[in-house]
Amino acid sequence: MVFKDRVVYSVVVPCRNEEINISGCISSILAQSITPSEVFIIDDNSTDHTTEILRKISQSSSIVQHILLKTPRYKIKGYNISIAINQGLKLSLESNSPNFILRMDSDCKIPSNYVEELISYLRRYPYLGVVGGYSGKYMKNHIPDGARLYRTACLKEIFESLPNKGYPIMYEHDTFILYRLLWLGWNFLSVPLKYEDTRPYRRDLTRWFLTGRFRQATGWYLPYVAQRTIKMMSATPLVIGPLVGFFSYIVNILIDDEAFESDFRYFIRGRQLELMSQGFWGVLRRRVGI
């Protein structure tokens, strides 16, 4: 695929203790059919050989930048990765005026045509703010957070819409971004383009607690949270995890910590009501034949 004008995109990869995966991740980025202008590897104070590996790679490649986070580490799992993502996106938005930004996990590898294919979708549909492939089972209405390509204009609008424009997203970063772009009138697209994720995602109980807090702060609809809790309990061996998330959601309702705008929260509730309605009528059609 040949684009008439020059395509500029950068890559943001947060990482910590990824000595096994980081080299393969970066190699897959550098092997893209369209070479990125810059690759920001945000190293969250790794304690294994990751930092050493990244220093060597950045010395041998002019476009790979190894950024060592200088912020103190939080004990709460999930905060530090969000800080790393925020830092990488900020650097990317401030440099070389990229048209697109690939946000990628350090344990993922993408095929050589991955970015080129995703760019073609963003060029074809100007209302799309983000597009991504899949690593496990392809789902039309879900974009895994392993390798998403964002339109820079969309990300700028998202961060400028936040109260202090200071990249304050501290948990459930990728989910928040998706809801925010939908609220601002953008859309997303999941495409059947597979990449490799070398490590399955798992949440500990602290992350489940933060998930509940996030759902309350962004206005999730109680019946929808209950539905998701039941669904996730059947899909994970750690039944207590989804229950902790639901308990956290209820506790934060009592605290009434409304962290985001009321119209943003109402937008999320309306979308979830729509999803529940679609699911109800879908089941009814299958069971009753209407």
C-alpha atoms as a PDB file:
ATOM      1  CA  MET A   1       0.000   0.000   0.000  1.00  0.00           C
ATOM      2  CA  VAL A   2       1.468   3.372  -1.024  1.00  0.00           C
ATOM      3  CA  PHE A   3       0.357   6.664   0.541  1.00  0.00           C
ATOM      4  CA  LYS A   4       0.628   9.802  -1.587  1.00  0.00           C
ATOM      5  CA  ASP A   5       1.868  12.002   1.241  1.00  0.00           C
ATOM      6  CA  ARG A   6       4.433  11.332   3.942  1.00  0.00           C
ATOM      7  CA  VAL A   7       3.076   9.434   6.934  1.00  0.00           C
ATOM      8  CA  VAL A   8       4.592  10.325  10.298  1.00  0.00           C
ATOM      9  CA  TYR A   9       3.859   8.223  13.353  1.00  0.00           C
ATOM     10  CA  SER A  10       5.583   7.563  16.645  1.00  0.00           C
ATOM     11  CA  VAL A  11       5.432   4.637  19.054  1.00  0.00           C
ATOM     12  CA  VAL A  12       5.004   4.582  22.835  1.00  0.00           C
ATOM     13  CA  VAL A  13       5.945   1.436  24.778  1.00  0.00           C
ATOM     14  CA  PRO A  14       5.785   1.430  28.604  1.00  0.00           C
ATOM     15  CA  CYS A  15       7.765  -1.354  30.241  1.00  0.00           C
ATOM     16  CA  ARG A  16       9.095  -2.762  33.486  1.00  0.00           C
ATOM     17  CA  ASN A  17      11.170  -5.910  33.922  1.00  0.00           C
ATOM     18  CA  GLU A  18      10.698  -7.119  30.355  1.00  0.00           C
ATOM     19  CA  GLU A  19      14.172  -8.509  29.646  1.00  0.00           C
ATOM     20  CA  ILE A  20      12.624 -11.538  27.924  1.00  0.00           C
ATOM     21  CA  ASN A  21      10.188  -9.673  25.669  1.00  0.00           C
ATOM     22  CA  ILE A  22      11.445  -6.145  25.019  1.00  0.00           C
ATOM     23  CA  SER A  23      13.939  -6.954  22.260  1.00  0.00           C
ATOM     24  CA  GLY A  24      11.322  -8.856  20.237  1.00  0.00           C
ATOM     25  CA  CYS A  25       8.814  -6.063  20.745  1.00  0.00           C
ATOM     26  CA  ILE A  26      11.187  -3.377  19.460  1.00  0.00           C
ATOM     27  CA  SER A  27      12.376  -5.560  16.571  1.00  0.00           C
ATOM     28  CA  SER A  28       8.784  -5.957  15.378  1.00  0.00           C
ATOM     29  CA  ILE A  29       8.348  -2.161  15.509  1.00  0.00           C
ATOM     30  CA  LEU A  30      11.511  -1.457  13.551  1.00  0.00           C
ATOM     31  CA  ALA A  31      10.517  -4.085  10.955  1.00  0.00           C
ATOM     32  CA  GLN A  32       7.319  -2.214  10.016  1.00  0.00           C
ATOM     33  CA  SER A  33       6.744  -1.508   6.317  1.00  0.00           C
ATOM     34  CA  ILE A  34       6.407   2.167   7.310  1.00  0.00           C
ATOM     35  CA  THR A  35       9.242   3.144   9.646  1.00  0.00           C
ATOM     36  CA  PRO A  36       8.223   5.197  12.711  1.00  0.00           C
ATOM     37  CA  SER A  37       9.777   8.629  13.240  1.00  0.00           C
ATOM     38  CA  GLU A  38      10.443   7.935  16.923  1.00  0.00           C
ATOM     39  CA  VAL A  39      10.022   5.059  19.364  1.00  0.00           C
ATOM     40  CA  PHE A  40       9.685   6.059  23.019  1.00  0.00           C
ATOM     41  CA  ILE A  41      10.413   3.202  25.419  1.00  0.00           C
ATOM     42  CA  ILE A  42       9.346   4.338  28.889  1.00  0.00           C
ATOM     43  CA  ASP A  43      11.308   2.288  31.424  1.00  0.00           C
ATOM     44  CA  ASP A  44       9.581   2.195  34.811  1.00  0.00           C
ATOM     45  CA  ASN A  45      12.764   1.620  36.841  1.00  0.00           C
ATOM     46  CA  SER A  46      13.269  -2.012  35.842  1.00  0.00           C
ATOM     47  CA  THR A  47      15.198  -4.175  38.284  1.00  0.00           C
ATOM     48  CA  ASP A  48      16.242  -6.911  35.823  1.00  0.00           C
ATOM     49  CA  HIS A  49      18.363  -6.479  32.656  1.00  0.00           C
ATOM     50  CA  THR A  50      15.713  -4.474  30.783  1.00  0.00           C
ATOM     51  CA  THR A  51      17.453  -1.113  31.317  1.00  0.00           C
ATOM     52  CA  GLU A  52      20.766  -2.470  30.049  1.00  0.00           C
ATOM     53  CA  ILE A  53      19.099  -3.973  26.969  1.00  0.00           C
ATOM     54  CA  LEU A  54      17.303  -0.713  26.192  1.00  0.00           C
ATOM     55  CA  ARG A  55      20.482   1.339  26.486  1.00  0.00           C
ATOM     56  CA  LYS A  56      22.197  -0.874  23.936  1.00  0.00           C
ATOM     57  CA  ILE A  57      19.250  -0.740  21.535  1.00  0.00           C
ATOM     58  CA  SER A  58      18.914   3.055  21.814  1.00  0.00           C
ATOM     59  CA  GLN A  59      22.637   3.452  21.114  1.00  0.00           C
ATOM     60  CA  SER A  60      22.389   1.368  17.950  1.00  0.00           C
ATOM     61  CA  SER A  61      19.160   2.959  16.635  1.00  0.00           C
ATOM     62  CA  SER A  62      18.689   6.678  16.063  1.00  0.00           C
ATOM     63  CA  ILE A  63      14.891   6.518  16.420  1.00  0.00           C
ATOM     64  CA  VAL A  64      14.659   4.492  19.642  1.00  0.00           C
ATOM     65  CA  GLN A  65      14.646   6.647  22.762  1.00  0.00           C
ATOM     66  CA  HIS A  66      15.078   5.027  26.157  1.00  0.00           C
ATOM     67  CA  ILE A  67      13.278   7.162  28.755  1.00  0.00           C
ATOM     68  CA  LEU A  68      13.890   6.232  32.390  1.00  0.00           C
ATOM     69  CA  LEU A  69      11.030   7.348  34.638  1.00  0.00           C
ATOM     70  CA  LYS A  70      12.155   9.533  37.525  1.00  0.00           C
ATOM     71  CA  THR A  71       8.850   9.585  39.381  1.00  0.00           C
ATOM     72  CA  PRO A  72       8.491   7.604  42.632  1.00  0.00           C
ATOM     73  CA  ARG A  73       6.811   4.226  42.289  1.00  0.00           C
ATOM     74  CA  TYR A  74       3.335   3.678  43.716  1.00  0.00           C
ATOM     75  CA  LYS A  75       2.643   0.482  45.619  1.00  0.00           C
ATOM     76  CA  ILE A  76      -0.793   0.310  43.989  1.00  0.00           C
ATOM     77  CA  LYS A  77      -0.469  -1.828  40.886  1.00  0.00           C
ATOM     78  CA  GLY A  78      -1.699  -0.043  37.784  1.00  0.00           C
ATOM     79  CA  TYR A  79      -0.700   3.508  38.724  1.00  0.00           C
ATOM     80  CA  ASN A  80       2.873   3.201  37.510  1.00  0.00           C
ATOM     81  CA  ILE A  81       1.969   1.867  34.065  1.00  0.00           C
ATOM     82  CA  SER A  82      -0.461   4.769  33.646  1.00  0.00           C
ATOM     83  CA  ILE A  83       2.269   7.257  34.558  1.00  0.00           C
ATOM     84  CA  ALA A  84       4.558   5.639  31.983  1.00  0.00           C
ATOM     85  CA  ILE A  85       1.854   5.798  29.290  1.00  0.00           C
ATOM     86  CA  ASN A  86       1.086   9.428  30.128  1.00  0.00           C
ATOM     87  CA  GLN A  87       4.771  10.335  29.900  1.00  0.00           C
ATOM     88  CA  GLY A  88       5.195   8.561  26.578  1.00  0.00           C
ATOM     89  CA  LEU A  89       2.092  10.126  25.018  1.00  0.00           C
ATOM     90  CA  LYS A  90       3.161  13.566  26.205  1.00  0.00           C
ATOM     91  CA  LEU A  91       6.612  13.180  24.635  1.00  0.00           C
ATOM     92  CA  SER A  92       5.099  11.839  21.438  1.00  0.00           C
ATOM     93  CA  LEU A  93       2.544  14.648  21.112  1.00  0.00           C
ATOM     94  CA  GLU A  94       5.249  17.259  21.640  1.00  0.00           C
ATOM     95  CA  SER A  95       7.691  15.923  19.052  1.00  0.00           C
ATOM     96  CA  ASN A  96       7.909  15.779  15.248  1.00  0.00           C
ATOM     97  CA  SER A  97       4.175  16.477  14.736  1.00  0.00           C
ATOM     98  CA  PRO A  98       3.189  12.813  14.196  1.00  0.00           C
ATOM     99  CA  ASN A  99      -0.054  12.059  12.376  1.00  0.00           C
ATOM    100  CA  PHE A 100      -0.581   8.894  14.434  1.00  0.00           C
ATOM    101  CA  ILE A 101       0.678   7.335  17.664  1.00  0.00           C
ATOM    102  CA  LEU A 102       0.982   3.584  18.258  1.00  0.00           C
ATOM    103  CA  ARG A 103       0.501   2.673  21.929  1.00  0.00           C
ATOM    104  CA  MET A 104       1.955  -0.788  22.392  1.00  0.00           C
ATOM    105  CA  ASP A 105       2.591  -3.204  25.258  1.00  0.00           C
ATOM    106  CA  SER A 106       6.154  -4.384  25.782  1.00  0.00           C
ATOM    107  CA  ASP A 107       5.184  -8.076  25.660  1.00  0.00           C
ATOM    108  CA  CYS A 108       3.600  -7.816  22.195  1.00  0.00           C
ATOM    109  CA  LYS A 109       4.936  -8.342  18.675  1.00  0.00           C
ATOM    110  CA  ILE A 110       3.208  -6.955  15.596  1.00  0.00           C
ATOM    111  CA  PRO A 111       3.401  -8.218  11.978  1.00  0.00           C
ATOM    112  CA  SER A 112       5.369  -6.082   9.527  1.00  0.00           C
ATOM    113  CA  ASN A 113       2.254  -4.675   7.818  1.00  0.00           C
ATOM    114  CA  TYR A 114       0.407  -3.899  11.061  1.00  0.00           C
ATOM    115  CA  VAL A 115       0.800  -0.128  11.224  1.00  0.00           C
ATOM    116  CA  GLU A 116       0.377   0.311   7.459  1.00  0.00           C
ATOM    117  CA  GLU A 117      -2.930  -1.543   7.553  1.00  0.00           C
ATOM    118  CA  LEU A 118      -4.204   0.422  10.540  1.00  0.00           C
ATOM    119  CA  ILE A 119      -3.225   3.742   8.966  1.00  0.00           C
ATOM    120  CA  SER A 120      -5.236   2.829   5.874  1.00  0.00           C
ATOM    121  CA  TYR A 121      -8.370   2.565   8.053  1.00  0.00           C
ATOM    122  CA  LEU A 122      -7.710   5.898   9.750  1.00  0.00           C
ATOM    123  CA  ARG A 123      -7.167   7.530   6.361  1.00  0.00           C
ATOM    124  CA  ARG A 124     -10.323   5.992   4.950  1.00  0.00           C
ATOM    125  CA  TYR A 125     -12.565   6.939   7.876  1.00  0.00           C
ATOM    126  CA  PRO A 126     -11.803  10.432   9.259  1.00  0.00           C
ATOM    127  CA  TYR A 127     -14.209   9.985  12.187  1.00  0.00           C
ATOM    128  CA  LEU A 128     -12.077   7.186  13.678  1.00  0.00           C
ATOM    129  CA  GLY A 129      -9.923   8.191  16.634  1.00  0.00           C
ATOM    130  CA  VAL A 130      -8.297   4.805  17.235  1.00  0.00           C
ATOM    131  CA  VAL A 131      -8.039   1.461  15.494  1.00  0.00           C
ATOM    132  CA  GLY A 132      -6.493  -1.804  16.609  1.00  0.00           C
ATOM    133  CA  GLY A 133      -6.115  -5.508  15.940  1.00  0.00           C
ATOM    134  CA  TYR A 134      -6.415  -8.425  18.337  1.00  0.00           C
ATOM    135  CA  SER A 135      -4.225 -11.001  20.081  1.00  0.00           C
ATOM    136  CA  GLY A 136      -6.636 -13.639  21.371  1.00  0.00           C
ATOM    137  CA  LYS A 137     -10.185 -13.970  20.107  1.00  0.00           C
ATOM    138  CA  TYR A 138     -11.334 -11.330  17.642  1.00  0.00           C
ATOM    139  CA  MET A 139     -14.286  -9.267  18.876  1.00  0.00           C
ATOM    140  CA  LYS A 140     -15.830  -6.672  16.587  1.00  0.00           C
ATOM    141  CA  ASN A 141     -16.770  -4.239  19.358  1.00  0.00           C
ATOM    142  CA  HIS A 142     -13.628  -4.495  21.484  1.00  0.00           C
ATOM    143  CA  ILE A 143     -10.054  -3.283  20.952  1.00  0.00           C
ATOM    144  CA  PRO A 144      -7.457  -4.935  23.196  1.00  0.00           C
ATOM    145  CA  ASP A 145      -4.930  -2.454  24.563  1.00  0.00           C
ATOM    146  CA  GLY A 146      -1.846  -4.356  23.353  1.00  0.00           C
ATOM    147  CA  ALA A 147      -1.314  -2.427  20.099  1.00  0.00           C
ATOM    148  CA  ARG A 148      -3.641   0.496  19.339  1.00  0.00           C
ATOM    149  CA  LEU A 149      -3.025   3.182  16.732  1.00  0.00           C
ATOM    150  CA  TYR A 150      -4.412   6.589  17.698  1.00  0.00           C
ATOM    151  CA  ARG A 151      -5.047   9.604  15.515  1.00  0.00           C
ATOM    152  CA  THR A 152      -2.943  12.382  17.038  1.00  0.00           C
ATOM    153  CA  ALA A 153      -5.698  14.978  16.647  1.00  0.00           C
ATOM    154  CA  CYS A 154      -8.000  12.733  18.683  1.00  0.00           C
ATOM    155  CA  LEU A 155      -5.499  12.284  21.527  1.00  0.00           C
ATOM    156  CA  LYS A 156      -4.821  16.018  21.644  1.00  0.00           C
ATOM    157  CA  GLU A 157      -8.522  16.755  21.912  1.00  0.00           C
ATOM    158  CA  ILE A 158      -8.899  14.199  24.700  1.00  0.00           C
ATOM    159  CA  PHE A 159      -6.106  15.612  26.836  1.00  0.00           C
ATOM    160  CA  GLU A 160      -7.090  19.215  26.183  1.00  0.00           C
ATOM    161  CA  SER A 161     -10.616  18.372  27.381  1.00  0.00           C
ATOM    162  CA  LEU A 162      -9.328  17.291  30.797  1.00  0.00           C
ATOM    163  CA  PRO A 163      -9.598  19.840  33.641  1.00  0.00           C
ATOM    164  CA  ASN A 164      -5.880  20.652  33.936  1.00  0.00           C
ATOM    165  CA  LYS A 165      -4.637  19.308  30.580  1.00  0.00           C
ATOM    166  CA  GLY A 166      -2.023  17.484  32.623  1.00  0.00           C
ATOM    167  CA  TYR A 167      -2.433  13.828  31.630  1.00  0.00           C
ATOM    168  CA  PRO A 168      -3.931  12.908  35.031  1.00  0.00           C
ATOM    169  CA  ILE A 169      -5.247   9.463  34.078  1.00  0.00           C
ATOM    170  CA  MET A 170      -4.078   7.157  36.845  1.00  0.00           C
ATOM    171  CA  TYR A 171      -5.901   3.852  36.328  1.00  0.00           C
ATOM    172  CA  GLU A 172      -7.814   1.974  33.614  1.00  0.00           C
ATOM    173  CA  HIS A 173      -5.976   4.253  31.182  1.00  0.00           C
ATOM    174  CA  ASP A 174      -6.976   2.623  27.903  1.00  0.00           C
ATOM    175  CA  THR A 175     -10.633   2.160  28.885  1.00  0.00           C
ATOM    176  CA  PHE A 176     -10.866   5.811  29.899  1.00  0.00           C
ATOM    177  CA  ILE A 177      -9.373   6.940  26.576  1.00  0.00           C
ATOM    178  CA  LEU A 178     -11.973   4.931  24.620  1.00  0.00           C
ATOM    179  CA  TYR A 179     -14.907   6.382  26.550  1.00  0.00           C
ATOM    180  CA  ARG A 180     -13.467   9.878  26.301  1.00  0.00           C
ATOM    181  CA  LEU A 181     -13.038   9.781  22.534  1.00  0.00           C
ATOM    182  CA  LEU A 182     -16.595   8.461  22.092  1.00  0.00           C
ATOM    183  CA  TRP A 183     -17.886  11.290  24.268  1.00  0.00           C
ATOM    184  CA  LEU A 184     -16.026  13.829  22.132  1.00  0.00           C
ATOM    185  CA  GLY A 185     -17.638  12.480  18.948  1.00  0.00           C
ATOM    186  CA  TRP A 186     -14.880  10.183  17.677  1.00  0.00           C
ATOM    187  CA  ASN A 187     -15.244   6.448  17.150  1.00  0.00           C
ATOM    188  CA  PHE A 188     -13.085   3.320  17.282  1.00  0.00           C
ATOM    189  CA  LEU A 189     -12.657   0.281  15.067  1.00  0.00           C
ATOM    190  CA  SER A 190     -11.504  -3.245  15.792  1.00  0.00           C
ATOM    191  CA  VAL A 191     -10.037  -4.970  12.733  1.00  0.00           C
ATOM    192  CA  PRO A 192      -9.252  -8.681  12.145  1.00  0.00           C
ATOM    193  CA  LEU A 193      -5.487  -8.155  12.144  1.00  0.00           C
ATOM    194  CA  LYS A 194      -3.701 -10.402  14.625  1.00  0.00           C
ATOM    195  CA  TYR A 195      -0.598  -9.659  16.664  1.00  0.00           C
ATOM    196  CA  GLU A 196       1.246 -11.740  19.238  1.00  0.00           C
ATOM    197  CA  ASP A 197       0.832 -11.201  22.976  1.00  0.00           C
ATOM    198  CA  THR A 198       3.413 -13.296  24.789  1.00  0.00           C
ATOM    199  CA  ARG A 199       1.929 -12.966  28.259  1.00  0.00           C
ATOM    200  CA  PRO A 200      -1.756 -13.327  29.244  1.00  0.00           C
ATOM    201  CA  TYR A 201      -3.232 -10.450  31.230  1.00  0.00           C
ATOM    202  CA  ARG A 202      -4.100 -11.026  34.872  1.00  0.00           C
ATOM    203  CA  ARG A 203      -5.466  -8.706  37.557  1.00  0.00           C
ATOM    204  CA  ASP A 204      -4.597  -8.921  41.220  1.00  0.00           C
ATOM    205  CA  LEU A 205      -7.108  -7.868  43.887  1.00  0.00           C
ATOM    206  CA  THR A 206      -5.692  -4.333  44.050  1.00  0.00           C
ATOM    207  CA  ARG A 207      -6.375  -3.859  40.358  1.00  0.00           C
ATOM    208  CA  TRP A 208      -9.900  -5.180  40.826  1.00  0.00           C
ATOM    209  CA  PHE A 209     -10.448  -2.621  43.594  1.00  0.00           C
ATOM    210  CA  LEU A 210      -9.222   0.166  41.305  1.00  0.00           C
ATOM    211  CA  THR A 211     -11.484  -1.131  38.539  1.00  0.00           C
ATOM    212  CA  GLY A 212     -14.480  -0.659  40.833  1.00  0.00           C
ATOM    213  CA  ARG A 213     -13.308   2.824  41.751  1.00  0.00           C
ATOM    214  CA  PHE A 214     -12.859   3.729  38.097  1.00  0.00           C
ATOM    215  CA  ARG A 215     -16.325   2.452  37.187  1.00  0.00           C
ATOM    216  CA  GLN A 216     -17.929   4.595  39.875  1.00  0.00           C
ATOM    217  CA  ALA A 217     -15.849   7.692  39.100  1.00  0.00           C
ATOM    218  CA  THR A 218     -16.803   7.552  35.429  1.00  0.00           C
ATOM    219  CA  GLY A 219     -20.490   6.949  36.099  1.00  0.00           C
ATOM    220  CA  TRP A 220     -20.979   3.291  35.196  1.00  0.00           C
ATOM    221  CA  TYR A 221     -24.604   2.156  35.442  1.00  0.00           C
ATOM    222  CA  LEU A 222     -25.205  -0.163  38.425  1.00  0.00           C
ATOM    223  CA  PRO A 223     -27.126  -2.899  36.509  1.00  0.00           C
ATOM    224  CA  TYR A 224     -24.376  -2.888  33.865  1.00  0.00           C
ATOM    225  CA  VAL A 225     -21.672  -3.254  36.540  1.00  0.00           C
ATOM    226  CA  ALA A 226     -23.623  -6.173  38.055  1.00  0.00           C
ATOM    227  CA  GLN A 227     -23.962  -7.789  34.634  1.00  0.00           C
ATOM    228  CA  ARG A 228     -20.231  -7.406  33.938  1.00  0.00           C
ATOM    229  CA  THR A 229     -19.367  -8.794  37.377  1.00  0.00           C
ATOM    230  CA  ILE A 230     -21.421 -11.938  36.795  1.00  0.00           C
ATOM    231  CA  LYS A 231     -19.965 -12.387  33.312  1.00  0.00           C
ATOM    232  CA  MET A 232     -16.368 -11.987  34.498  1.00  0.00           C
ATOM    233  CA  MET A 233     -16.883 -14.375  37.417  1.00  0.00           C
ATOM    234  CA  SER A 234     -17.769 -17.105  34.957  1.00  0.00           C
ATOM    235  CA  ALA A 235     -14.711 -16.343  32.833  1.00  0.00           C
ATOM    236  CA  THR A 236     -12.017 -16.237  35.499  1.00  0.00           C
ATOM    237  CA  PRO A 237     -10.902 -18.790  38.103  1.00  0.00           C
ATOM    238  CA  LEU A 238     -10.404 -16.036  40.680  1.00  0.00           C
ATOM    239  CA  VAL A 239     -14.090 -15.480  41.493  1.00  0.00           C
ATOM    240  CA  ILE A 240     -13.257 -13.154  44.381  1.00  0.00           C
ATOM    241  CA  GLY A 241     -11.650 -10.615  42.009  1.00  0.00           C
ATOM    242  CA  PRO A 242     -14.848  -9.449  40.240  1.00  0.00           C
ATOM    243  CA  LEU A 243     -16.611  -9.394  43.620  1.00  0.00           C
ATOM    244  CA  VAL A 244     -13.916  -7.081  45.006  1.00  0.00           C
ATOM    245  CA  GLY A 245     -14.430  -4.844  41.984  1.00  0.00           C
ATOM    246  CA  PHE A 246     -18.194  -4.730  42.578  1.00  0.00           C
ATOM    247  CA  PHE A 247     -17.719  -4.048  46.314  1.00  0.00           C
ATOM    248  CA  SER A 248     -15.302  -1.204  45.479  1.00  0.00           C
ATOM    249  CA  TYR A 249     -17.878   0.275  43.092  1.00  0.00           C
ATOM    250  CA  ILE A 250     -20.567   0.265  45.829  1.00  0.00           C
ATOM    251  CA  VAL A 251     -18.210   1.730  48.452  1.00  0.00           C
ATOM    252  CA  ASN A 252     -17.230   4.563  46.153  1.00  0.00           C
ATOM    253  CA  ILE A 253     -20.905   5.309  45.439  1.00  0.00           C
ATOM    254  CA  LEU A 254     -21.319   5.884  49.201  1.00  0.00           C
ATOM    255  CA  ILE A 255     -18.267   8.160  49.178  1.00  0.00           C
ATOM    256  CA  ASP A 256     -19.763   9.889  46.113  1.00  0.00           C
ATOM    257  CA  ASP A 257     -16.411  10.692  44.562  1.00  0.00           C
ATOM    258  CA  GLU A 258     -17.420  12.149  41.186  1.00  0.00           C
ATOM    259  CA  ALA A 259     -14.052  12.564  39.541  1.00  0.00           C
ATOM    260  CA  PHE A 260     -15.295  13.524  36.069  1.00  0.00           C
ATOM    261  CA  GLU A 261     -17.872  15.802  34.441  1.00  0.00           C
ATOM    262  CA  SER A 262     -21.532  14.928  34.980  1.00  0.00           C
ATOM    263  CA  ASP A 263     -22.326  14.974  31.244  1.00  0.00           C
ATOM    264  CA  PHE A 264     -19.415  12.598  30.622  1.00  0.00           C
ATOM    265  CA  ARG A 265     -20.785  10.252  33.274  1.00  0.00           C
ATOM    266  CA  TYR A 266     -24.320  10.441  31.834  1.00  0.00           C
ATOM    267  CA  PHE A 267     -22.927   9.694  28.379  1.00  0.00           C
ATOM    268  CA  ILE A 268     -21.294   6.489  29.672  1.00  0.00           C
ATOM    269  CA  ARG A 269     -24.511   5.395  31.398  1.00  0.00           C
ATOM    270  CA  GLY A 270     -26.529   6.025  28.250  1.00  0.00           C
ATOM    271  CA  ARG A 271     -24.113   3.954  26.170  1.00  0.00           C
ATOM    272  CA  GLN A 272     -24.241   1.101  28.673  1.00  0.00           C
ATOM    273  CA  LEU A 273     -28.044   1.165  28.717  1.00  0.00           C
ATOM    274  CA  GLU A 274     -27.946   0.909  24.936  1.00  0.00           C
ATOM    275  CA  LEU A 275     -25.582  -2.080  25.120  1.00  0.00           C
ATOM    276  CA  MET A 276     -27.807  -3.814  27.678  1.00  0.00           C
ATOM    277  CA  SER A 277     -30.873  -3.204  25.507  1.00  0.00           C
ATOM    278  CA  GLN A 278     -29.125  -4.627  22.454  1.00  0.00           C
ATOM    279  CA  GLY A 279     -28.060  -7.677  24.459  1.00  0.00           C
ATOM    280  CA  PHE A 280     -31.604  -8.229  25.778  1.00  0.00           C
ATOM    281  CA  TRP A 281     -33.219  -8.049  22.345  1.00  0.00           C
ATOM    282  CA  GLY A 282     -30.491 -10.228  20.889  1.00  0.00           C
ATOM    283  CA  VAL A 283     -31.204 -12.982  23.431  1.00  0.00           C
ATOM    284  CA  LEU A 284     -34.945 -12.594  22.881  1.00  0.00           C
ATOM    285  CA  ARG A 285     -34.553 -12.960  19.117  1.00  0.00           C
ATOM    286  CA  ARG A 286     -32.478 -16.109  19.520  1.00  0.00           C
ATOM    287  CA  ARG A 287     -34.831 -17.681  22.070  1.00  0.00           C
ATOM    288  CA  VAL A 288     -38.218 -16.612  20.742  1.00  0.00           C
ATOM    289  CA  GLY A 289     -37.404 -16.126  17.084  1.00  0.00           C
ATOM    290  CA  ILE A 290     -38.609 -12.549  16.714  1.00  0.00           C
END
